[in-house]
PDB file of N, CA and C in Angstrom:
ATOM      1  N   UNK A   1      -7.325  56.826   5.849  1.00  0.00           N
ATOM      2  CA  UNK A   1      -7.851  57.290   4.588  1.00  0.00           C
ATOM      3  C   UNK A   1      -6.981  56.737   3.450  1.00  0.00           C
ATOM      4  N   UNK A   2      -7.591  56.120   2.497  1.00  0.00           N
ATOM      5  CA  UNK A   2      -6.862  55.562   1.356  1.00  0.00           C
ATOM      6  C   UNK A   2      -6.576  56.656   0.331  1.00  0.00           C
ATOM      7  N   UNK A   3      -5.523  56.453  -0.427  1.00  0.00           N
ATOM      8  CA  UNK A   3      -5.170  57.395  -1.491  1.00  0.00           C
ATOM      9  C   UNK A   3      -6.047  57.156  -2.711  1.00  0.00           C
ATOM     10  N   UNK A   4      -6.292  58.215  -3.460  1.00  0.00           N
ATOM     11  CA  UNK A   4      -7.147  58.115  -4.641  1.00  0.00           C
ATOM     12  C   UNK A   4      -6.341  57.679  -5.863  1.00  0.00           C
ATOM     13  N   UNK A   5      -7.006  56.992  -6.778  1.00  0.00           N
ATOM     14  CA  UNK A   5      -6.355  56.595  -8.028  1.00  0.00           C
ATOM     15  C   UNK A   5      -6.040  57.823  -8.872  1.00  0.00           C
ATOM     16  N   UNK A   6      -6.827  58.875  -8.717  1.00  0.00           N
ATOM     17  CA  UNK A   6      -6.561  60.123  -9.442  1.00  0.00           C
ATOM     18  C   UNK A   6      -5.228  60.731  -9.025  1.00  0.00           C
ATOM     19  N   UNK A   7      -4.939  60.725  -7.729  1.00  0.00           N
ATOM     20  CA  UNK A   7      -3.661  61.263  -7.251  1.00  0.00           C
ATOM     21  C   UNK A   7      -2.519  60.382  -7.743  1.00  0.00           C
ATOM     22  N   UNK A   8      -2.707  59.068  -7.707  1.00  0.00           N
ATOM     23  CA  UNK A   8      -1.699  58.149  -8.231  1.00  0.00           C
ATOM     24  C   UNK A   8      -1.414  58.452  -9.702  1.00  0.00           C
ATOM     25  N   UNK A   9      -2.457  58.603 -10.504  1.00  0.00           N
ATOM     26  CA  UNK A   9      -2.277  58.900 -11.934  1.00  0.00           C
ATOM     27  C   UNK A   9      -1.527  60.215 -12.127  1.00  0.00           C
ATOM     28  N   UNK A  10      -1.843  61.228 -11.302  1.00  0.00           N
ATOM     29  CA  UNK A  10      -1.153  62.514 -11.380  1.00  0.00           C
ATOM     30  C   UNK A  10       0.347  62.337 -11.118  1.00  0.00           C
ATOM     31  N   UNK A  11       0.688  61.626 -10.057  1.00  0.00           N
ATOM     32  CA  UNK A  11       2.101  61.422  -9.719  1.00  0.00           C
ATOM     33  C   UNK A  11       2.798  60.622 -10.812  1.00  0.00           C
ATOM     34  N   UNK A  12       2.153  59.585 -11.327  1.00  0.00           N
ATOM     35  CA  UNK A  12       2.754  58.790 -12.405  1.00  0.00           C
ATOM     36  C   UNK A  12       2.991  59.647 -13.647  1.00  0.00           C
ATOM     37  N   UNK A  13       2.069  60.545 -13.938  1.00  0.00           N
ATOM     38  CA  UNK A  13       2.252  61.458 -15.078  1.00  0.00           C
ATOM     39  C   UNK A  13       3.435  62.394 -14.819  1.00  0.00           C
ATOM     40  N   UNK A  14       3.567  62.876 -13.595  1.00  0.00           N
ATOM     41  CA  UNK A  14       4.679  63.758 -13.254  1.00  0.00           C
ATOM     42  C   UNK A  14       6.021  63.035 -13.385  1.00  0.00           C
ATOM     43  N   UNK A  15       6.014  61.715 -13.213  1.00  0.00           N
ATOM     44  CA  UNK A  15       7.235  60.916 -13.285  1.00  0.00           C
ATOM     45  C   UNK A  15       7.418  60.268 -14.657  1.00  0.00           C
ATOM     46  N   UNK A  16       6.606  60.645 -15.623  1.00  0.00           N
ATOM     47  CA  UNK A  16       6.601  59.985 -16.928  1.00  0.00           C
ATOM     48  C   UNK A  16       7.905  60.165 -17.715  1.00  0.00           C
ATOM     49  N   UNK A  17       8.745  61.093 -17.330  1.00  0.00           N
ATOM     50  CA  UNK A  17      10.029  61.284 -18.001  1.00  0.00           C
ATOM     51  C   UNK A  17      11.081  60.265 -17.589  1.00  0.00           C
ATOM     52  N   UNK A  18      10.787  59.486 -16.560  1.00  0.00           N
ATOM     53  CA  UNK A  18      11.726  58.472 -16.076  1.00  0.00           C
ATOM     54  C   UNK A  18      11.370  57.106 -16.640  1.00  0.00           C
ATOM     55  N   UNK A  19      12.383  56.317 -16.915  1.00  0.00           N
ATOM     56  CA  UNK A  19      12.157  54.938 -17.348  1.00  0.00           C
ATOM     57  C   UNK A  19      11.894  54.052 -16.127  1.00  0.00           C
ATOM     58  N   UNK A  20      11.032  53.083 -16.318  1.00  0.00           N
ATOM     59  CA  UNK A  20      10.804  52.029 -15.331  1.00  0.00           C
ATOM     60  C   UNK A  20      10.272  52.523 -13.989  1.00  0.00           C
ATOM     61  N   UNK A  21       9.255  53.363 -14.028  1.00  0.00           N
ATOM     62  CA  UNK A  21       8.513  53.719 -12.821  1.00  0.00           C
ATOM     63  C   UNK A  21       7.366  52.728 -12.710  1.00  0.00           C
ATOM     64  N   UNK A  22       7.191  52.172 -11.535  1.00  0.00           N
ATOM     65  CA  UNK A  22       6.079  51.254 -11.313  1.00  0.00           C
ATOM     66  C   UNK A  22       5.530  51.480  -9.913  1.00  0.00           C
ATOM     67  N   UNK A  23       4.430  50.820  -9.627  1.00  0.00           N
ATOM     68  CA  UNK A  23       3.827  50.943  -8.304  1.00  0.00           C
ATOM     69  C   UNK A  23       3.158  49.630  -7.942  1.00  0.00           C
ATOM     70  N   UNK A  24       2.902  49.480  -6.667  1.00  0.00           N
ATOM     71  CA  UNK A  24       2.175  48.319  -6.178  1.00  0.00           C
ATOM     72  C   UNK A  24       1.167  48.790  -5.139  1.00  0.00           C
ATOM     73  N   UNK A  25      -0.101  48.446  -5.324  1.00  0.00           N
ATOM     74  CA  UNK A  25      -1.085  48.821  -4.303  1.00  0.00           C
ATOM     75  C   UNK A  25      -0.857  48.029  -3.019  1.00  0.00           C
ATOM     76  N   UNK A  26      -1.031  48.707  -1.896  1.00  0.00           N
ATOM     77  CA  UNK A  26      -0.872  48.039  -0.610  1.00  0.00           C
ATOM     78  C   UNK A  26      -1.808  48.683   0.409  1.00  0.00           C
ATOM     79  N   UNK A  27      -2.848  47.978   0.769  1.00  0.00           N
ATOM     80  CA  UNK A  27      -3.801  48.409   1.801  1.00  0.00           C
ATOM     81  C   UNK A  27      -4.338  49.816   1.539  1.00  0.00           C
ATOM     82  N   UNK A  28      -4.741  50.100   0.312  1.00  0.00           N
ATOM     83  CA  UNK A  28      -5.324  51.384  -0.025  1.00  0.00           C
ATOM     84  C   UNK A  28      -4.322  52.477  -0.344  1.00  0.00           C
ATOM     85  N   UNK A  29      -3.051  52.148  -0.250  1.00  0.00           N
ATOM     86  CA  UNK A  29      -1.986  53.098  -0.563  1.00  0.00           C
ATOM     87  C   UNK A  29      -1.160  52.510  -1.703  1.00  0.00           C
ATOM     88  N   UNK A  30      -0.085  53.192  -2.110  1.00  0.00           N
ATOM     89  CA  UNK A  30       0.712  52.735  -3.246  1.00  0.00           C
ATOM     90  C   UNK A  30       2.200  52.867  -2.952  1.00  0.00           C
ATOM     91  N   UNK A  31       2.950  51.793  -3.157  1.00  0.00           N
ATOM     92  CA  UNK A  31       4.398  51.813  -3.053  1.00  0.00           C
ATOM     93  C   UNK A  31       4.926  52.188  -4.443  1.00  0.00           C
ATOM     94  N   UNK A  32       5.857  53.132  -4.516  1.00  0.00           N
ATOM     95  CA  UNK A  32       6.391  53.603  -5.793  1.00  0.00           C
ATOM     96  C   UNK A  32       7.822  53.087  -5.962  1.00  0.00           C
ATOM     97  N   UNK A  33       8.078  52.499  -7.136  1.00  0.00           N
ATOM     98  CA  UNK A  33       9.378  51.921  -7.468  1.00  0.00           C
ATOM     99  C   UNK A  33       9.998  52.698  -8.629  1.00  0.00           C
ATOM    100  N   UNK A  34      11.317  52.820  -8.574  1.00  0.00           N
ATOM    101  CA  UNK A  34      12.079  53.366  -9.697  1.00  0.00           C
ATOM    102  C   UNK A  34      13.161  52.359 -10.031  1.00  0.00           C
ATOM    103  N   UNK A  35      13.115  51.825 -11.233  1.00  0.00           N
ATOM    104  CA  UNK A  35      14.043  50.793 -11.703  1.00  0.00           C
ATOM    105  C   UNK A  35      14.180  49.663 -10.688  1.00  0.00           C
ATOM    106  N   UNK A  36      13.055  49.240 -10.143  1.00  0.00           N
ATOM    107  CA  UNK A  36      13.007  48.090  -9.252  1.00  0.00           C
ATOM    108  C   UNK A  36      13.281  48.368  -7.788  1.00  0.00           C
ATOM    109  N   UNK A  37      13.658  49.593  -7.447  1.00  0.00           N
ATOM    110  CA  UNK A  37      13.933  49.941  -6.051  1.00  0.00           C
ATOM    111  C   UNK A  37      12.798  50.788  -5.496  1.00  0.00           C
ATOM    112  N   UNK A  38      12.459  50.566  -4.226  1.00  0.00           N
ATOM    113  CA  UNK A  38      11.417  51.363  -3.576  1.00  0.00           C
ATOM    114  C   UNK A  38      11.969  52.752  -3.281  1.00  0.00           C
ATOM    115  N   UNK A  39      11.312  53.761  -3.850  1.00  0.00           N
ATOM    116  CA  UNK A  39      11.702  55.154  -3.626  1.00  0.00           C
ATOM    117  C   UNK A  39      10.856  55.741  -2.502  1.00  0.00           C
ATOM    118  N   UNK A  40       9.606  55.360  -2.456  1.00  0.00           N
ATOM    119  CA  UNK A  40       8.684  55.882  -1.462  1.00  0.00           C
ATOM    120  C   UNK A  40       7.295  55.368  -1.743  1.00  0.00           C
ATOM    121  N   UNK A  41       6.333  56.239  -1.517  1.00  0.00           N
ATOM    122  CA  UNK A  41       4.963  55.812  -1.756  1.00  0.00           C
ATOM    123  C   UNK A  41       3.983  56.958  -1.679  1.00  0.00           C
ATOM    124  N   UNK A  42       2.762  56.616  -1.993  1.00  0.00           N
ATOM    125  CA  UNK A  42       1.655  57.561  -1.904  1.00  0.00           C
ATOM    126  C   UNK A  42       0.803  57.125  -0.725  1.00  0.00           C
ATOM    127  N   UNK A  43       0.702  57.987   0.260  1.00  0.00           N
ATOM    128  CA  UNK A  43      -0.017  57.715   1.494  1.00  0.00           C
ATOM    129  C   UNK A  43      -0.937  58.889   1.782  1.00  0.00           C
ATOM    130  N   UNK A  44      -2.211  58.622   1.918  1.00  0.00           N
ATOM    131  CA  UNK A  44      -3.198  59.685   2.194  1.00  0.00           C
ATOM    132  C   UNK A  44      -3.066  60.829   1.196  1.00  0.00           C
ATOM    133  N   UNK A  45      -2.919  60.479  -0.078  1.00  0.00           N
ATOM    134  CA  UNK A  45      -2.767  61.460  -1.160  1.00  0.00           C
ATOM    135  C   UNK A  45      -1.602  62.416  -0.927  1.00  0.00           C
ATOM    136  N   UNK A  46      -0.509  61.871  -0.413  1.00  0.00           N
ATOM    137  CA  UNK A  46       0.749  62.613  -0.241  1.00  0.00           C
ATOM    138  C   UNK A  46       1.863  61.754  -0.807  1.00  0.00           C
ATOM    139  N   UNK A  47       2.816  62.363  -1.500  1.00  0.00           N
ATOM    140  CA  UNK A  47       3.992  61.638  -1.972  1.00  0.00           C
ATOM    141  C   UNK A  47       5.063  61.738  -0.900  1.00  0.00           C
ATOM    142  N   UNK A  48       5.452  60.581  -0.378  1.00  0.00           N
ATOM    143  CA  UNK A  48       6.512  60.509   0.613  1.00  0.00           C
ATOM    144  C   UNK A  48       7.657  59.699   0.025  1.00  0.00           C
ATOM    145  N   UNK A  49       8.900  60.128   0.277  1.00  0.00           N
ATOM    146  CA  UNK A  49      10.069  59.398  -0.203  1.00  0.00           C
ATOM    147  C   UNK A  49      10.963  59.038   0.977  1.00  0.00           C
ATOM    148  N   UNK A  50      11.802  58.028   0.742  1.00  0.00           N
ATOM    149  CA  UNK A  50      12.729  57.598   1.780  1.00  0.00           C
ATOM    150  C   UNK A  50      13.713  58.724   2.103  1.00  0.00           C
ATOM    151  N   UNK A  51      14.160  58.714   3.344  1.00  0.00           N
ATOM    152  CA  UNK A  51      15.150  59.697   3.794  1.00  0.00           C
ATOM    153  C   UNK A  51      16.527  59.252   3.341  1.00  0.00           C
ATOM    154  N   UNK A  52      17.012  59.836   2.273  1.00  0.00           N
ATOM    155  CA  UNK A  52      18.376  59.568   1.811  1.00  0.00           C
ATOM    156  C   UNK A  52      19.146  60.880   1.867  1.00  0.00           C
ATOM    157  N   UNK A  53      20.455  60.786   1.805  1.00  0.00           N
ATOM    158  CA  UNK A  53      21.277  62.003   1.843  1.00  0.00           C
ATOM    159  C   UNK A  53      20.925  62.941   0.696  1.00  0.00           C
ATOM    160  N   UNK A  54      20.757  62.379  -0.492  1.00  0.00           N
ATOM    161  CA  UNK A  54      20.455  63.225  -1.648  1.00  0.00           C
ATOM    162  C   UNK A  54      19.065  63.851  -1.536  1.00  0.00           C
ATOM    163  N   UNK A  55      18.101  63.120  -1.012  1.00  0.00           N
ATOM    164  CA  UNK A  55      16.760  63.682  -0.838  1.00  0.00           C
ATOM    165  C   UNK A  55      16.795  64.806   0.196  1.00  0.00           C
ATOM    166  N   UNK A  56      17.527  64.606   1.271  1.00  0.00           N
ATOM    167  CA  UNK A  56      17.648  65.660   2.290  1.00  0.00           C
ATOM    168  C   UNK A  56      18.357  66.887   1.728  1.00  0.00           C
ATOM    169  N   UNK A  57      19.330  66.668   0.859  1.00  0.00           N
ATOM    170  CA  UNK A  57      20.054  67.787   0.254  1.00  0.00           C
ATOM    171  C   UNK A  57      19.129  68.589  -0.674  1.00  0.00           C
ATOM    172  N   UNK A  58      18.325  67.888  -1.482  1.00  0.00           N
ATOM    173  CA  UNK A  58      17.427  68.558  -2.423  1.00  0.00           C
ATOM    174  C   UNK A  58      16.209  69.179  -1.740  1.00  0.00           C
ATOM    175  N   UNK A  59      15.840  68.631  -0.593  1.00  0.00           N
ATOM    176  CA  UNK A  59      14.645  69.122   0.118  1.00  0.00           C
ATOM    177  C   UNK A  59      15.004  69.399   1.577  1.00  0.00           C
ATOM    178  N   UNK A  60      15.916  70.319   1.788  1.00  0.00           N
ATOM    179  CA  UNK A  60      16.422  70.577   3.136  1.00  0.00           C
ATOM    180  C   UNK A  60      15.352  71.053   4.108  1.00  0.00           C
ATOM    181  N   UNK A  61      14.295  71.653   3.599  1.00  0.00           N
ATOM    182  CA  UNK A  61      13.226  72.144   4.475  1.00  0.00           C
ATOM    183  C   UNK A  61      12.015  71.203   4.505  1.00  0.00           C
ATOM    184  N   UNK A  62      12.175  70.002   3.954  1.00  0.00           N
ATOM    185  CA  UNK A  62      11.044  69.066   3.875  1.00  0.00           C
ATOM    186  C   UNK A  62      10.607  68.612   5.262  1.00  0.00           C
ATOM    187  N   UNK A  63       9.309  68.473   5.412  1.00  0.00           N
ATOM    188  CA  UNK A  63       8.747  67.954   6.650  1.00  0.00           C
ATOM    189  C   UNK A  63       8.882  66.438   6.660  1.00  0.00           C
ATOM    190  N   UNK A  64       9.135  65.900   7.828  1.00  0.00           N
ATOM    191  CA  UNK A  64       9.152  64.457   7.989  1.00  0.00           C
ATOM    192  C   UNK A  64       7.752  64.008   8.367  1.00  0.00           C
ATOM    193  N   UNK A  65       7.379  62.847   7.887  1.00  0.00           N
ATOM    194  CA  UNK A  65       6.039  62.352   8.147  1.00  0.00           C
ATOM    195  C   UNK A  65       6.063  60.834   8.205  1.00  0.00           C
ATOM    196  N   UNK A  66       5.128  60.276   8.951  1.00  0.00           N
ATOM    197  CA  UNK A  66       4.979  58.833   9.007  1.00  0.00           C
ATOM    198  C   UNK A  66       3.919  58.416   8.005  1.00  0.00           C
ATOM    199  N   UNK A  67       4.233  57.463   7.135  1.00  0.00           N
ATOM    200  CA  UNK A  67       3.226  57.012   6.182  1.00  0.00           C
ATOM    201  C   UNK A  67       2.073  56.286   6.873  1.00  0.00           C
ATOM    202  N   UNK A  68       2.393  55.587   7.957  1.00  0.00           N
ATOM    203  CA  UNK A  68       1.400  54.890   8.773  1.00  0.00           C
ATOM    204  C   UNK A  68       2.043  54.611  10.124  1.00  0.00           C
ATOM    205  N   UNK A  69       1.247  54.316  11.101  1.00  0.00           N
ATOM    206  CA  UNK A  69       1.749  54.090  12.452  1.00  0.00           C
ATOM    207  C   UNK A  69       2.716  52.915  12.477  1.00  0.00           C
ATOM    208  N   UNK A  70       3.856  53.124  13.104  1.00  0.00           N
ATOM    209  CA  UNK A  70       4.858  52.078  13.223  1.00  0.00           C
ATOM    210  C   UNK A  70       5.888  52.070  12.105  1.00  0.00           C
ATOM    211  N   UNK A  71       5.730  52.934  11.112  1.00  0.00           N
ATOM    212  CA  UNK A  71       6.664  52.993   9.979  1.00  0.00           C
ATOM    213  C   UNK A  71       7.810  53.958  10.288  1.00  0.00           C
ATOM    214  N   UNK A  72       8.859  53.868   9.462  1.00  0.00           N
ATOM    215  CA  UNK A  72       9.959  54.823   9.558  1.00  0.00           C
ATOM    216  C   UNK A  72       9.514  56.155   8.971  1.00  0.00           C
ATOM    217  N   UNK A  73      10.102  57.230   9.494  1.00  0.00           N
ATOM    218  CA  UNK A  73       9.814  58.560   8.952  1.00  0.00           C
ATOM    219  C   UNK A  73      10.260  58.656   7.506  1.00  0.00           C
ATOM    220  N   UNK A  74       9.473  59.389   6.751  1.00  0.00           N
ATOM    221  CA  UNK A  74       9.799  59.643   5.346  1.00  0.00           C
ATOM    222  C   UNK A  74       9.706  61.146   5.118  1.00  0.00           C
ATOM    223  N   UNK A  75      10.157  61.592   3.959  1.00  0.00           N
ATOM    224  CA  UNK A  75      10.118  63.014   3.619  1.00  0.00           C
ATOM    225  C   UNK A  75       8.902  63.312   2.758  1.00  0.00           C
ATOM    226  N   UNK A  76       8.178  64.346   3.121  1.00  0.00           N
ATOM    227  CA  UNK A  76       7.018  64.789   2.357  1.00  0.00           C
ATOM    228  C   UNK A  76       7.494  65.646   1.196  1.00  0.00           C
ATOM    229  N   UNK A  77       7.114  65.252  -0.025  1.00  0.00           N
ATOM    230  CA  UNK A  77       7.507  65.995  -1.218  1.00  0.00           C
ATOM    231  C   UNK A  77       6.442  67.050  -1.500  1.00  0.00           C
ATOM    232  N   UNK A  78       6.833  68.317  -1.391  1.00  0.00           N
ATOM    233  CA  UNK A  78       5.909  69.425  -1.647  1.00  0.00           C
ATOM    234  C   UNK A  78       5.871  69.823  -3.115  1.00  0.00           C
ATOM    235  N   UNK A  79       6.979  69.641  -3.816  1.00  0.00           N
ATOM    236  CA  UNK A  79       7.095  70.120  -5.197  1.00  0.00           C
ATOM    237  C   UNK A  79       6.562  69.094  -6.206  1.00  0.00           C
ATOM    238  N   UNK A  80       5.361  68.595  -5.985  1.00  0.00           N
ATOM    239  CA  UNK A  80       4.817  67.572  -6.880  1.00  0.00           C
ATOM    240  C   UNK A  80       4.362  68.149  -8.215  1.00  0.00           C
ATOM    241  N   UNK A  81       4.250  69.461  -8.318  1.00  0.00           N
ATOM    242  CA  UNK A  81       3.838  70.082  -9.576  1.00  0.00           C
ATOM    243  C   UNK A  81       4.985  70.256 -10.560  1.00  0.00           C
ATOM    244  N   UNK A  82       6.197  69.973 -10.127  1.00  0.00           N
ATOM    245  CA  UNK A  82       7.378  70.146 -10.981  1.00  0.00           C
ATOM    246  C   UNK A  82       7.908  68.792 -11.444  1.00  0.00           C
ATOM    247  N   UNK A  83       7.663  68.478 -12.724  1.00  0.00           N
ATOM    248  CA  UNK A  83       8.193  67.236 -13.294  1.00  0.00           C
ATOM    249  C   UNK A  83       9.715  67.220 -13.212  1.00  0.00           C
ATOM    250  N   UNK A  84      10.335  68.361 -13.480  1.00  0.00           N
ATOM    251  CA  UNK A  84      11.789  68.457 -13.470  1.00  0.00           C
ATOM    252  C   UNK A  84      12.359  68.142 -12.095  1.00  0.00           C
ATOM    253  N   UNK A  85      11.736  68.699 -11.053  1.00  0.00           N
ATOM    254  CA  UNK A  85      12.218  68.443  -9.700  1.00  0.00           C
ATOM    255  C   UNK A  85      12.059  66.972  -9.341  1.00  0.00           C
ATOM    256  N   UNK A  86      10.901  66.382  -9.625  1.00  0.00           N
ATOM    257  CA  UNK A  86      10.671  64.980  -9.278  1.00  0.00           C
ATOM    258  C   UNK A  86      11.636  64.059 -10.018  1.00  0.00           C
ATOM    259  N   UNK A  87      11.903  64.359 -11.275  1.00  0.00           N
ATOM    260  CA  UNK A  87      12.863  63.569 -12.042  1.00  0.00           C
ATOM    261  C   UNK A  87      14.246  63.661 -11.404  1.00  0.00           C
ATOM    262  N   UNK A  88      14.667  64.867 -11.082  1.00  0.00           N
ATOM    263  CA  UNK A  88      15.975  65.089 -10.450  1.00  0.00           C
ATOM    264  C   UNK A  88      16.055  64.371  -9.099  1.00  0.00           C
ATOM    265  N   UNK A  89      14.978  64.444  -8.312  1.00  0.00           N
ATOM    266  CA  UNK A  89      14.938  63.811  -6.993  1.00  0.00           C
ATOM    267  C   UNK A  89      15.083  62.295  -7.108  1.00  0.00           C
ATOM    268  N   UNK A  90      14.286  61.669  -7.955  1.00  0.00           N
ATOM    269  CA  UNK A  90      14.324  60.210  -8.087  1.00  0.00           C
ATOM    270  C   UNK A  90      15.674  59.747  -8.624  1.00  0.00           C
ATOM    271  N   UNK A  91      16.216  60.460  -9.603  1.00  0.00           N
ATOM    272  CA  UNK A  91      17.523  60.087 -10.150  1.00  0.00           C
ATOM    273  C   UNK A  91      18.625  60.231  -9.102  1.00  0.00           C
ATOM    274  N   UNK A  92      18.567  61.283  -8.304  1.00  0.00           N
ATOM    275  CA  UNK A  92      19.581  61.507  -7.273  1.00  0.00           C
ATOM    276  C   UNK A  92      19.509  60.436  -6.182  1.00  0.00           C
ATOM    277  N   UNK A  93      18.315  59.995  -5.854  1.00  0.00           N
ATOM    278  CA  UNK A  93      18.126  59.017  -4.779  1.00  0.00           C
ATOM    279  C   UNK A  93      18.503  57.601  -5.184  1.00  0.00           C
ATOM    280  N   UNK A  94      18.430  57.286  -6.466  1.00  0.00           N
ATOM    281  CA  UNK A  94      18.502  55.902  -6.927  1.00  0.00           C
ATOM    282  C   UNK A  94      19.697  55.121  -6.368  1.00  0.00           C
ATOM    283  N   UNK A  95      20.905  55.658  -6.474  1.00  0.00           N
ATOM    284  CA  UNK A  95      22.099  54.921  -6.043  1.00  0.00           C
ATOM    285  C   UNK A  95      22.141  54.679  -4.536  1.00  0.00           C
ATOM    286  N   UNK A  96      21.426  55.474  -3.768  1.00  0.00           N
ATOM    287  CA  UNK A  96      21.419  55.317  -2.309  1.00  0.00           C
ATOM    288  C   UNK A  96      20.367  54.328  -1.823  1.00  0.00           C
ATOM    289  N   UNK A  97      19.471  53.934  -2.685  1.00  0.00           N
ATOM    290  CA  UNK A  97      18.389  53.033  -2.287  1.00  0.00           C
ATOM    291  C   UNK A  97      18.876  51.590  -2.274  1.00  0.00           C
ATOM    292  N   UNK A  98      18.408  50.809  -1.304  1.00  0.00           N
ATOM    293  CA  UNK A  98      18.825  49.405  -1.243  1.00  0.00           C
ATOM    294  C   UNK A  98      18.203  48.593  -2.379  1.00  0.00           C
ATOM    295  N   UNK A  99      18.887  47.525  -2.748  1.00  0.00           N
ATOM    296  CA  UNK A  99      18.344  46.597  -3.723  1.00  0.00           C
ATOM    297  C   UNK A  99      17.153  45.884  -3.102  1.00  0.00           C
ATOM    298  N   UNK A 100      16.203  45.485  -3.920  1.00  0.00           N
ATOM    299  CA  UNK A 100      15.048  44.763  -3.369  1.00  0.00           C
ATOM    300  C   UNK A 100      15.489  43.449  -2.728  1.00  0.00           C
ATOM    301  N   UNK A 101      14.795  43.062  -1.676  1.00  0.00           N
ATOM    302  CA  UNK A 101      15.086  41.777  -1.015  1.00  0.00           C
ATOM    303  C   UNK A 101      14.597  40.664  -1.919  1.00  0.00           C
ATOM    304  N   UNK A 102      15.395  39.625  -2.002  1.00  0.00           N
ATOM    305  CA  UNK A 102      15.009  38.481  -2.812  1.00  0.00           C
ATOM    306  C   UNK A 102      14.224  37.493  -1.962  1.00  0.00           C
ATOM    307  N   UNK A 103      13.250  36.891  -2.573  1.00  0.00           N
ATOM    308  CA  UNK A 103      12.451  35.886  -1.870  1.00  0.00           C
ATOM    309  C   UNK A 103      12.978  34.503  -2.228  1.00  0.00           C
ATOM    310  N   UNK A 104      12.879  33.608  -1.284  1.00  0.00           N
ATOM    311  CA  UNK A 104      13.383  32.236  -1.505  1.00  0.00           C
ATOM    312  C   UNK A 104      12.347  31.383  -2.164  1.00  0.00           C
TER     313      UNK A 104
END
């Protein structure tokens, strides 16, 4: 099941307090970037983020989920209605995220 553009717009609005949020469509889903680093994505109308120490600390009871078969587990973000929480989560995760791979 592909994610809806309406859900994408909702998440982008919730993240509107952050600078440099972007996304890239991929096979009906959306990869979400913060200042050029992949934070997570929108899969089946769910916001999933990478498993980082700071994300686990902020969401200790978060369920783990696979965005698609064969992928690494990610954390399901339940508090999508809180702009403040999402801002805090993305900012806390940023330093732990790897730099994007460069293409030759």
